[in-house]
């Protein structure tokens, strides 16, 4: 039997620790995050990676947010998502 899971989802499932999981989440295309968010959420929860499922929820919320007349998402949501992304990137890099 062949593995039909998307490679990036397989990487998330097979990740060795939260830093590796965070790295996969940061690299994941928005389209994959949106389409497979229940699967990704379940993988993060199963691993006990709270920052992962919270980051995913924030990212999905940002993607689904109604935009203003300039095409921008709500400023508070965009700011919070950017701070979360930056913190996760620092975690991946080992910056404390």
PDB file of N, CA and C in Angstrom:
ATOM      1  N   UNK A   1       0.847  -1.184   0.000  1.00  0.00           N
ATOM      2  CA  UNK A   1       0.000   0.000   0.000  1.00  0.00           C
ATOM      3  C   UNK A   1       0.886   1.239   0.000  1.00  0.00           C
ATOM      4  N   UNK A   2       0.512   2.222  -0.793  1.00  0.00           N
ATOM      5  CA  UNK A   2       1.315   3.437  -0.875  1.00  0.00           C
ATOM      6  C   UNK A   2       0.750   4.499   0.059  1.00  0.00           C
ATOM      7  N   UNK A   3       1.632   5.406   0.468  1.00  0.00           N
ATOM      8  CA  UNK A   3       1.247   6.515   1.331  1.00  0.00           C
ATOM      9  C   UNK A   3       0.657   7.616   0.456  1.00  0.00           C
ATOM     10  N   UNK A   4      -0.606   7.945   0.659  1.00  0.00           N
ATOM     11  CA  UNK A   4      -1.262   8.969  -0.156  1.00  0.00           C
ATOM     12  C   UNK A   4      -1.308  10.324   0.540  1.00  0.00           C
ATOM     13  N   UNK A   5      -0.712  10.422   1.728  1.00  0.00           N
ATOM     14  CA  UNK A   5      -0.709  11.680   2.471  1.00  0.00           C
ATOM     15  C   UNK A   5       0.205  12.689   1.768  1.00  0.00           C
ATOM     16  N   UNK A   6      -0.213  13.946   1.727  1.00  0.00           N
ATOM     17  CA  UNK A   6       0.639  14.989   1.161  1.00  0.00           C
ATOM     18  C   UNK A   6       1.984  14.976   1.884  1.00  0.00           C
ATOM     19  N   UNK A   7       3.076  15.172   1.166  1.00  0.00           N
ATOM     20  CA  UNK A   7       4.395  15.133   1.808  1.00  0.00           C
ATOM     21  C   UNK A   7       4.534  16.088   2.994  1.00  0.00           C
ATOM     22  N   UNK A   8       3.978  17.291   2.890  1.00  0.00           N
ATOM     23  CA  UNK A   8       4.127  18.243   3.992  1.00  0.00           C
ATOM     24  C   UNK A   8       3.330  17.792   5.223  1.00  0.00           C
ATOM     25  N   UNK A   9       2.208  17.123   5.005  1.00  0.00           N
ATOM     26  CA  UNK A   9       1.448  16.575   6.132  1.00  0.00           C
ATOM     27  C   UNK A   9       2.181  15.385   6.734  1.00  0.00           C
ATOM     28  N   UNK A  10       2.811  14.588   5.902  1.00  0.00           N
ATOM     29  CA  UNK A  10       3.619  13.471   6.394  1.00  0.00           C
ATOM     30  C   UNK A  10       4.773  14.005   7.248  1.00  0.00           C
ATOM     31  N   UNK A  11       5.402  15.099   6.789  1.00  0.00           N
ATOM     32  CA  UNK A  11       6.488  15.709   7.562  1.00  0.00           C
ATOM     33  C   UNK A  11       5.991  16.153   8.937  1.00  0.00           C
ATOM     34  N   UNK A  12       4.790  16.716   8.984  1.00  0.00           N
ATOM     35  CA  UNK A  12       4.225  17.147  10.255  1.00  0.00           C
ATOM     36  C   UNK A  12       3.993  15.951  11.174  1.00  0.00           C
ATOM     37  N   UNK A  13       3.417  14.900  10.641  1.00  0.00           N
ATOM     38  CA  UNK A  13       3.145  13.704  11.441  1.00  0.00           C
ATOM     39  C   UNK A  13       4.425  13.023  11.923  1.00  0.00           C
ATOM     40  N   UNK A  14       5.459  13.051  11.082  1.00  0.00           N
ATOM     41  CA  UNK A  14       6.711  12.366  11.404  1.00  0.00           C
ATOM     42  C   UNK A  14       7.728  13.263  12.113  1.00  0.00           C
ATOM     43  N   UNK A  15       7.377  14.519  12.358  1.00  0.00           N
ATOM     44  CA  UNK A  15       8.326  15.478  12.947  1.00  0.00           C
ATOM     45  C   UNK A  15       8.844  14.985  14.295  1.00  0.00           C
ATOM     46  N   UNK A  16      10.121  15.225  14.500  1.00  0.00           N
ATOM     47  CA  UNK A  16      10.781  14.832  15.738  1.00  0.00           C
ATOM     48  C   UNK A  16      10.829  16.032  16.685  1.00  0.00           C
ATOM     49  N   UNK A  17       9.734  16.298  17.352  1.00  0.00           N
ATOM     50  CA  UNK A  17       9.682  17.380  18.326  1.00  0.00           C
ATOM     51  C   UNK A  17       8.947  18.612  17.831  1.00  0.00           C
ATOM     52  N   UNK A  18       8.700  19.505  18.777  1.00  0.00           N
ATOM     53  CA  UNK A  18       7.905  20.699  18.482  1.00  0.00           C
ATOM     54  C   UNK A  18       8.617  21.682  17.563  1.00  0.00           C
ATOM     55  N   UNK A  19       9.935  21.796  17.663  1.00  0.00           N
ATOM     56  CA  UNK A  19      10.649  22.695  16.749  1.00  0.00           C
ATOM     57  C   UNK A  19      10.468  22.242  15.301  1.00  0.00           C
ATOM     58  N   UNK A  20      10.574  20.953  15.079  1.00  0.00           N
ATOM     59  CA  UNK A  20      10.386  20.426  13.721  1.00  0.00           C
ATOM     60  C   UNK A  20       8.942  20.624  13.259  1.00  0.00           C
ATOM     61  N   UNK A  21       7.982  20.433  14.169  1.00  0.00           N
ATOM     62  CA  UNK A  21       6.575  20.656  13.814  1.00  0.00           C
ATOM     63  C   UNK A  21       6.347  22.129  13.478  1.00  0.00           C
ATOM     64  N   UNK A  22       6.921  23.023  14.273  1.00  0.00           N
ATOM     65  CA  UNK A  22       6.771  24.459  14.024  1.00  0.00           C
ATOM     66  C   UNK A  22       7.371  24.835  12.676  1.00  0.00           C
ATOM     67  N   UNK A  23       8.511  24.253  12.346  1.00  0.00           N
ATOM     68  CA  UNK A  23       9.158  24.525  11.067  1.00  0.00           C
ATOM     69  C   UNK A  23       8.238  24.128   9.907  1.00  0.00           C
ATOM     70  N   UNK A  24       7.612  22.973  10.020  1.00  0.00           N
ATOM     71  CA  UNK A  24       6.687  22.522   8.973  1.00  0.00           C
ATOM     72  C   UNK A  24       5.500  23.482   8.870  1.00  0.00           C
ATOM     73  N   UNK A  25       4.946  23.889  10.004  1.00  0.00           N
ATOM     74  CA  UNK A  25       3.794  24.802   9.986  1.00  0.00           C
ATOM     75  C   UNK A  25       4.150  26.138   9.356  1.00  0.00           C
ATOM     76  N   UNK A  26       5.344  26.649   9.633  1.00  0.00           N
ATOM     77  CA  UNK A  26       5.759  27.931   9.061  1.00  0.00           C
ATOM     78  C   UNK A  26       5.958  27.846   7.554  1.00  0.00           C
ATOM     79  N   UNK A  27       6.349  26.698   7.052  1.00  0.00           N
ATOM     80  CA  UNK A  27       6.596  26.515   5.623  1.00  0.00           C
ATOM     81  C   UNK A  27       5.351  26.114   4.835  1.00  0.00           C
ATOM     82  N   UNK A  28       4.323  25.731   5.537  1.00  0.00           N
ATOM     83  CA  UNK A  28       3.118  25.194   4.909  1.00  0.00           C
ATOM     84  C   UNK A  28       2.360  26.279   4.128  1.00  0.00           C
ATOM     85  N   UNK A  29       1.989  26.001   2.871  1.00  0.00           N
ATOM     86  CA  UNK A  29       1.192  26.957   2.096  1.00  0.00           C
ATOM     87  C   UNK A  29      -0.181  27.184   2.742  1.00  0.00           C
ATOM     88  N   UNK A  30      -0.702  28.379   2.562  1.00  0.00           N
ATOM     89  CA  UNK A  30      -2.025  28.706   3.108  1.00  0.00           C
ATOM     90  C   UNK A  30      -3.093  27.755   2.589  1.00  0.00           C
ATOM     91  N   UNK A  31      -3.018  27.394   1.321  1.00  0.00           N
ATOM     92  CA  UNK A  31      -4.034  26.510   0.744  1.00  0.00           C
ATOM     93  C   UNK A  31      -4.075  25.167   1.463  1.00  0.00           C
ATOM     94  N   UNK A  32      -2.915  24.646   1.830  1.00  0.00           N
ATOM     95  CA  UNK A  32      -2.859  23.374   2.556  1.00  0.00           C
ATOM     96  C   UNK A  32      -3.402  23.572   3.968  1.00  0.00           C
ATOM     97  N   UNK A  33      -2.994  24.657   4.625  1.00  0.00           N
ATOM     98  CA  UNK A  33      -3.474  24.932   5.989  1.00  0.00           C
ATOM     99  C   UNK A  33      -4.997  25.050   6.015  1.00  0.00           C
ATOM    100  N   UNK A  34      -5.565  25.713   5.022  1.00  0.00           N
ATOM    101  CA  UNK A  34      -7.020  25.877   4.975  1.00  0.00           C
ATOM    102  C   UNK A  34      -7.734  24.561   4.675  1.00  0.00           C
ATOM    103  N   UNK A  35      -7.261  23.856   3.679  1.00  0.00           N
ATOM    104  CA  UNK A  35      -7.946  22.629   3.254  1.00  0.00           C
ATOM    105  C   UNK A  35      -7.842  21.512   4.291  1.00  0.00           C
ATOM    106  N   UNK A  36      -6.693  21.415   4.922  1.00  0.00           N
ATOM    107  CA  UNK A  36      -6.442  20.294   5.832  1.00  0.00           C
ATOM    108  C   UNK A  36      -6.361  20.708   7.298  1.00  0.00           C
ATOM    109  N   UNK A  37      -6.934  21.862   7.636  1.00  0.00           N
ATOM    110  CA  UNK A  37      -6.770  22.323   9.019  1.00  0.00           C
ATOM    111  C   UNK A  37      -7.290  21.335  10.070  1.00  0.00           C
ATOM    112  N   UNK A  38      -8.355  20.555   9.829  1.00  0.00           N
ATOM    113  CA  UNK A  38      -8.739  19.571  10.852  1.00  0.00           C
ATOM    114  C   UNK A  38      -7.666  18.497  11.070  1.00  0.00           C
ATOM    115  N   UNK A  39      -7.021  18.068   9.990  1.00  0.00           N
ATOM    116  CA  UNK A  39      -5.971  17.047  10.077  1.00  0.00           C
ATOM    117  C   UNK A  39      -4.743  17.616  10.784  1.00  0.00           C
ATOM    118  N   UNK A  40      -4.376  18.839  10.440  1.00  0.00           N
ATOM    119  CA  UNK A  40      -3.210  19.486  11.034  1.00  0.00           C
ATOM    120  C   UNK A  40      -3.463  19.758  12.512  1.00  0.00           C
ATOM    121  N   UNK A  41      -4.651  20.248  12.824  1.00  0.00           N
ATOM    122  CA  UNK A  41      -5.030  20.499  14.215  1.00  0.00           C
ATOM    123  C   UNK A  41      -4.944  19.208  15.032  1.00  0.00           C
ATOM    124  N   UNK A  42      -5.477  18.127  14.489  1.00  0.00           N
ATOM    125  CA  UNK A  42      -5.451  16.844  15.196  1.00  0.00           C
ATOM    126  C   UNK A  42      -4.020  16.363  15.427  1.00  0.00           C
ATOM    127  N   UNK A  43      -3.148  16.543  14.437  1.00  0.00           N
ATOM    128  CA  UNK A  43      -1.748  16.126  14.584  1.00  0.00           C
ATOM    129  C   UNK A  43      -1.052  16.933  15.678  1.00  0.00           C
ATOM    130  N   UNK A  44      -1.314  18.238  15.715  1.00  0.00           N
ATOM    131  CA  UNK A  44      -0.700  19.082  16.749  1.00  0.00           C
ATOM    132  C   UNK A  44      -1.241  18.721  18.129  1.00  0.00           C
ATOM    133  N   UNK A  45      -2.526  18.496  18.225  1.00  0.00           N
ATOM    134  CA  UNK A  45      -3.124  18.130  19.511  1.00  0.00           C
ATOM    135  C   UNK A  45      -2.621  16.772  19.993  1.00  0.00           C
ATOM    136  N   UNK A  46      -2.516  15.815  19.087  1.00  0.00           N
ATOM    137  CA  UNK A  46      -2.026  14.487  19.451  1.00  0.00           C
ATOM    138  C   UNK A  46      -0.606  14.568  19.998  1.00  0.00           C
ATOM    139  N   UNK A  47       0.197  15.462  19.438  1.00  0.00           N
ATOM    140  CA  UNK A  47       1.583  15.639  19.878  1.00  0.00           C
ATOM    141  C   UNK A  47       1.683  16.531  21.118  1.00  0.00           C
ATOM    142  N   UNK A  48       0.571  17.140  21.519  1.00  0.00           N
ATOM    143  CA  UNK A  48       0.601  18.056  22.658  1.00  0.00           C
ATOM    144  C   UNK A  48       1.260  19.385  22.317  1.00  0.00           C
ATOM    145  N   UNK A  49       1.245  19.743  21.037  1.00  0.00           N
ATOM    146  CA  UNK A  49       1.886  20.970  20.561  1.00  0.00           C
ATOM    147  C   UNK A  49       0.865  22.106  20.527  1.00  0.00           C
ATOM    148  N   UNK A  50       0.620  22.687  21.693  1.00  0.00           N
ATOM    149  CA  UNK A  50      -0.391  23.732  21.848  1.00  0.00           C
ATOM    150  C   UNK A  50      -0.109  24.942  20.963  1.00  0.00           C
ATOM    151  N   UNK A  51       1.134  25.385  20.907  1.00  0.00           N
ATOM    152  CA  UNK A  51       1.468  26.532  20.058  1.00  0.00           C
ATOM    153  C   UNK A  51       1.129  26.240  18.598  1.00  0.00           C
ATOM    154  N   UNK A  52       1.255  24.992  18.191  1.00  0.00           N
ATOM    155  CA  UNK A  52       0.949  24.617  16.812  1.00  0.00           C
ATOM    156  C   UNK A  52      -0.515  24.760  16.478  1.00  0.00           C
ATOM    157  N   UNK A  53      -1.385  24.221  17.336  1.00  0.00           N
ATOM    158  CA  UNK A  53      -2.814  24.314  16.998  1.00  0.00           C
ATOM    159  C   UNK A  53      -3.316  25.742  17.160  1.00  0.00           C
ATOM    160  N   UNK A  54      -2.714  26.504  18.072  1.00  0.00           N
ATOM    161  CA  UNK A  54      -3.116  27.913  18.213  1.00  0.00           C
ATOM    162  C   UNK A  54      -2.637  28.736  17.020  1.00  0.00           C
ATOM    163  N   UNK A  55      -1.422  28.458  16.547  1.00  0.00           N
ATOM    164  CA  UNK A  55      -0.909  29.140  15.359  1.00  0.00           C
ATOM    165  C   UNK A  55      -1.784  28.824  14.150  1.00  0.00           C
ATOM    166  N   UNK A  56      -2.147  27.568  14.004  1.00  0.00           N
ATOM    167  CA  UNK A  56      -3.007  27.162  12.899  1.00  0.00           C
ATOM    168  C   UNK A  56      -4.350  27.897  12.962  1.00  0.00           C
ATOM    169  N   UNK A  57      -4.958  27.961  14.132  1.00  0.00           N
ATOM    170  CA  UNK A  57      -6.242  28.656  14.287  1.00  0.00           C
ATOM    171  C   UNK A  57      -6.114  30.131  13.909  1.00  0.00           C
ATOM    172  N   UNK A  58      -5.012  30.752  14.326  1.00  0.00           N
ATOM    173  CA  UNK A  58      -4.783  32.162  13.994  1.00  0.00           C
ATOM    174  C   UNK A  58      -4.604  32.331  12.487  1.00  0.00           C
ATOM    175  N   UNK A  59      -3.845  31.450  11.897  1.00  0.00           N
ATOM    176  CA  UNK A  59      -3.570  31.534  10.467  1.00  0.00           C
ATOM    177  C   UNK A  59      -4.836  31.329   9.643  1.00  0.00           C
ATOM    178  N   UNK A  60      -5.647  30.363  10.013  1.00  0.00           N
ATOM    179  CA  UNK A  60      -6.904  30.125   9.305  1.00  0.00           C
ATOM    180  C   UNK A  60      -7.828  31.329   9.474  1.00  0.00           C
ATOM    181  N   UNK A  61      -7.901  31.869  10.688  1.00  0.00           N
ATOM    182  CA  UNK A  61      -8.732  33.054  10.929  1.00  0.00           C
ATOM    183  C   UNK A  61      -8.293  34.224  10.062  1.00  0.00           C
ATOM    184  N   UNK A  62      -6.993  34.406   9.941  1.00  0.00           N
ATOM    185  CA  UNK A  62      -6.471  35.495   9.114  1.00  0.00           C
ATOM    186  C   UNK A  62      -6.829  35.280   7.643  1.00  0.00           C
ATOM    187  N   UNK A  63      -6.691  34.052   7.177  1.00  0.00           N
ATOM    188  CA  UNK A  63      -7.017  33.761   5.772  1.00  0.00           C
ATOM    189  C   UNK A  63      -8.502  33.971   5.469  1.00  0.00           C
ATOM    190  N   UNK A  64      -9.352  33.699   6.435  1.00  0.00           N
ATOM    191  CA  UNK A  64     -10.796  33.788   6.226  1.00  0.00           C
ATOM    192  C   UNK A  64     -11.392  35.148   6.585  1.00  0.00           C
ATOM    193  N   UNK A  65     -10.562  36.044   7.102  1.00  0.00           N
ATOM    194  CA  UNK A  65     -11.056  37.350   7.563  1.00  0.00           C
ATOM    195  C   UNK A  65     -11.573  38.200   6.394  1.00  0.00           C
ATOM    196  N   UNK A  66     -12.628  38.928   6.656  1.00  0.00           N
ATOM    197  CA  UNK A  66     -13.149  39.895   5.686  1.00  0.00           C
ATOM    198  C   UNK A  66     -12.136  41.033   5.585  1.00  0.00           C
ATOM    199  N   UNK A  67     -11.855  41.454   4.374  1.00  0.00           N
ATOM    200  CA  UNK A  67     -10.860  42.493   4.111  1.00  0.00           C
ATOM    201  C   UNK A  67     -11.514  43.864   3.999  1.00  0.00           C
ATOM    202  N   UNK A  68     -10.696  44.888   4.204  1.00  0.00           N
ATOM    203  CA  UNK A  68     -11.199  46.253   4.050  1.00  0.00           C
ATOM    204  C   UNK A  68     -11.130  46.664   2.579  1.00  0.00           C
ATOM    205  N   UNK A  69     -11.443  47.923   2.289  1.00  0.00           N
ATOM    206  CA  UNK A  69     -11.492  48.400   0.911  1.00  0.00           C
ATOM    207  C   UNK A  69     -10.126  48.350   0.223  1.00  0.00           C
ATOM    208  N   UNK A  70      -9.039  48.260   0.998  1.00  0.00           N
ATOM    209  CA  UNK A  70      -7.695  48.152   0.427  1.00  0.00           C
ATOM    210  C   UNK A  70      -7.226  46.696   0.367  1.00  0.00           C
ATOM    211  N   UNK A  71      -8.108  45.770   0.748  1.00  0.00           N
ATOM    212  CA  UNK A  71      -7.754  44.359   0.702  1.00  0.00           C
ATOM    213  C   UNK A  71      -6.989  43.865   1.922  1.00  0.00           C
ATOM    214  N   UNK A  72      -6.963  44.676   2.969  1.00  0.00           N
ATOM    215  CA  UNK A  72      -6.225  44.317   4.176  1.00  0.00           C
ATOM    216  C   UNK A  72      -7.142  43.667   5.207  1.00  0.00           C
ATOM    217  N   UNK A  73      -6.627  42.653   5.939  1.00  0.00           N
ATOM    218  CA  UNK A  73      -7.423  42.051   7.014  1.00  0.00           C
ATOM    219  C   UNK A  73      -7.489  43.025   8.193  1.00  0.00           C
ATOM    220  N   UNK A  74      -8.332  42.760   9.176  1.00  0.00           N
ATOM    221  CA  UNK A  74      -8.380  43.630  10.348  1.00  0.00           C
ATOM    222  C   UNK A  74      -6.975  43.793  10.947  1.00  0.00           C
ATOM    223  N   UNK A  75      -6.599  45.036  11.231  1.00  0.00           N
ATOM    224  CA  UNK A  75      -5.237  45.338  11.676  1.00  0.00           C
ATOM    225  C   UNK A  75      -4.862  44.588  12.950  1.00  0.00           C
ATOM    226  N   UNK A  76      -5.782  44.484  13.904  1.00  0.00           N
ATOM    227  CA  UNK A  76      -5.452  43.796  15.157  1.00  0.00           C
ATOM    228  C   UNK A  76      -5.188  42.316  14.920  1.00  0.00           C
ATOM    229  N   UNK A  77      -5.954  41.694  14.046  1.00  0.00           N
ATOM    230  CA  UNK A  77      -5.758  40.280  13.726  1.00  0.00           C
ATOM    231  C   UNK A  77      -4.443  40.079  12.981  1.00  0.00           C
ATOM    232  N   UNK A  78      -4.151  40.942  12.018  1.00  0.00           N
ATOM    233  CA  UNK A  78      -2.909  40.837  11.248  1.00  0.00           C
ATOM    234  C   UNK A  78      -1.702  41.032  12.161  1.00  0.00           C
ATOM    235  N   UNK A  79      -1.789  41.979  13.092  1.00  0.00           N
ATOM    236  CA  UNK A  79      -0.683  42.230  14.021  1.00  0.00           C
ATOM    237  C   UNK A  79      -0.462  41.030  14.940  1.00  0.00           C
ATOM    238  N   UNK A  80      -1.537  40.491  15.471  1.00  0.00           N
ATOM    239  CA  UNK A  80      -1.431  39.336  16.362  1.00  0.00           C
ATOM    240  C   UNK A  80      -0.862  38.131  15.605  1.00  0.00           C
ATOM    241  N   UNK A  81      -1.301  37.915  14.388  1.00  0.00           N
ATOM    242  CA  UNK A  81      -0.803  36.799  13.588  1.00  0.00           C
ATOM    243  C   UNK A  81       0.682  36.971  13.284  1.00  0.00           C
ATOM    244  N   UNK A  82       1.110  38.177  12.987  1.00  0.00           N
ATOM    245  CA  UNK A  82       2.519  38.424  12.698  1.00  0.00           C
ATOM    246  C   UNK A  82       3.378  38.207  13.941  1.00  0.00           C
ATOM    247  N   UNK A  83       2.913  38.654  15.099  1.00  0.00           N
ATOM    248  CA  UNK A  83       3.675  38.434  16.340  1.00  0.00           C
ATOM    249  C   UNK A  83       3.773  36.940  16.649  1.00  0.00           C
ATOM    250  N   UNK A  84       2.709  36.205  16.422  1.00  0.00           N
ATOM    251  CA  UNK A  84       2.704  34.763  16.661  1.00  0.00           C
ATOM    252  C   UNK A  84       3.674  34.072  15.696  1.00  0.00           C
ATOM    253  N   UNK A  85       3.623  34.475  14.415  1.00  0.00           N
ATOM    254  CA  UNK A  85       4.523  33.907  13.412  1.00  0.00           C
ATOM    255  C   UNK A  85       5.981  34.165  13.780  1.00  0.00           C
ATOM    256  N   UNK A  86       6.282  35.391  14.185  1.00  0.00           N
ATOM    257  CA  UNK A  86       7.654  35.749  14.550  1.00  0.00           C
ATOM    258  C   UNK A  86       8.132  34.951  15.763  1.00  0.00           C
ATOM    259  N   UNK A  87       7.264  34.777  16.751  1.00  0.00           N
ATOM    260  CA  UNK A  87       7.628  34.000  17.940  1.00  0.00           C
ATOM    261  C   UNK A  87       7.882  32.540  17.581  1.00  0.00           C
ATOM    262  N   UNK A  88       7.060  31.987  16.709  1.00  0.00           N
ATOM    263  CA  UNK A  88       7.248  30.599  16.291  1.00  0.00           C
ATOM    264  C   UNK A  88       8.550  30.459  15.495  1.00  0.00           C
ATOM    265  N   UNK A  89       8.867  31.440  14.670  1.00  0.00           N
ATOM    266  CA  UNK A  89      10.118  31.417  13.902  1.00  0.00           C
ATOM    267  C   UNK A  89      11.326  31.500  14.829  1.00  0.00           C
ATOM    268  N   UNK A  90      11.234  32.307  15.874  1.00  0.00           N
ATOM    269  CA  UNK A  90      12.313  32.382  16.861  1.00  0.00           C
ATOM    270  C   UNK A  90      12.476  31.051  17.585  1.00  0.00           C
ATOM    271  N   UNK A  91      11.360  30.399  17.891  1.00  0.00           N
ATOM    272  CA  UNK A  91      11.387  29.096  18.538  1.00  0.00           C
ATOM    273  C   UNK A  91      12.111  28.086  17.645  1.00  0.00           C
ATOM    274  N   UNK A  92      11.787  28.097  16.354  1.00  0.00           N
ATOM    275  CA  UNK A  92      12.433  27.180  15.413  1.00  0.00           C
ATOM    276  C   UNK A  92      13.929  27.442  15.357  1.00  0.00           C
ATOM    277  N   UNK A  93      14.302  28.716  15.378  1.00  0.00           N
ATOM    278  CA  UNK A  93      15.717  29.098  15.280  1.00  0.00           C
ATOM    279  C   UNK A  93      16.471  28.856  16.595  1.00  0.00           C
ATOM    280  N   UNK A  94      15.733  28.579  17.665  1.00  0.00           N
ATOM    281  CA  UNK A  94      16.389  28.367  18.945  1.00  0.00           C
ATOM    282  C   UNK A  94      16.671  29.631  19.720  1.00  0.00           C
ATOM    283  N   UNK A  95      16.034  30.727  19.312  1.00  0.00           N
ATOM    284  CA  UNK A  95      16.197  32.020  19.990  1.00  0.00           C
ATOM    285  C   UNK A  95      15.224  32.065  21.159  1.00  0.00           C
ATOM    286  N   UNK A  96      15.719  32.407  22.315  1.00  0.00           N
ATOM    287  CA  UNK A  96      14.813  32.451  23.484  1.00  0.00           C
ATOM    288  C   UNK A  96      14.676  33.844  24.023  1.00  0.00           C
TER     289      UNK A  96
END
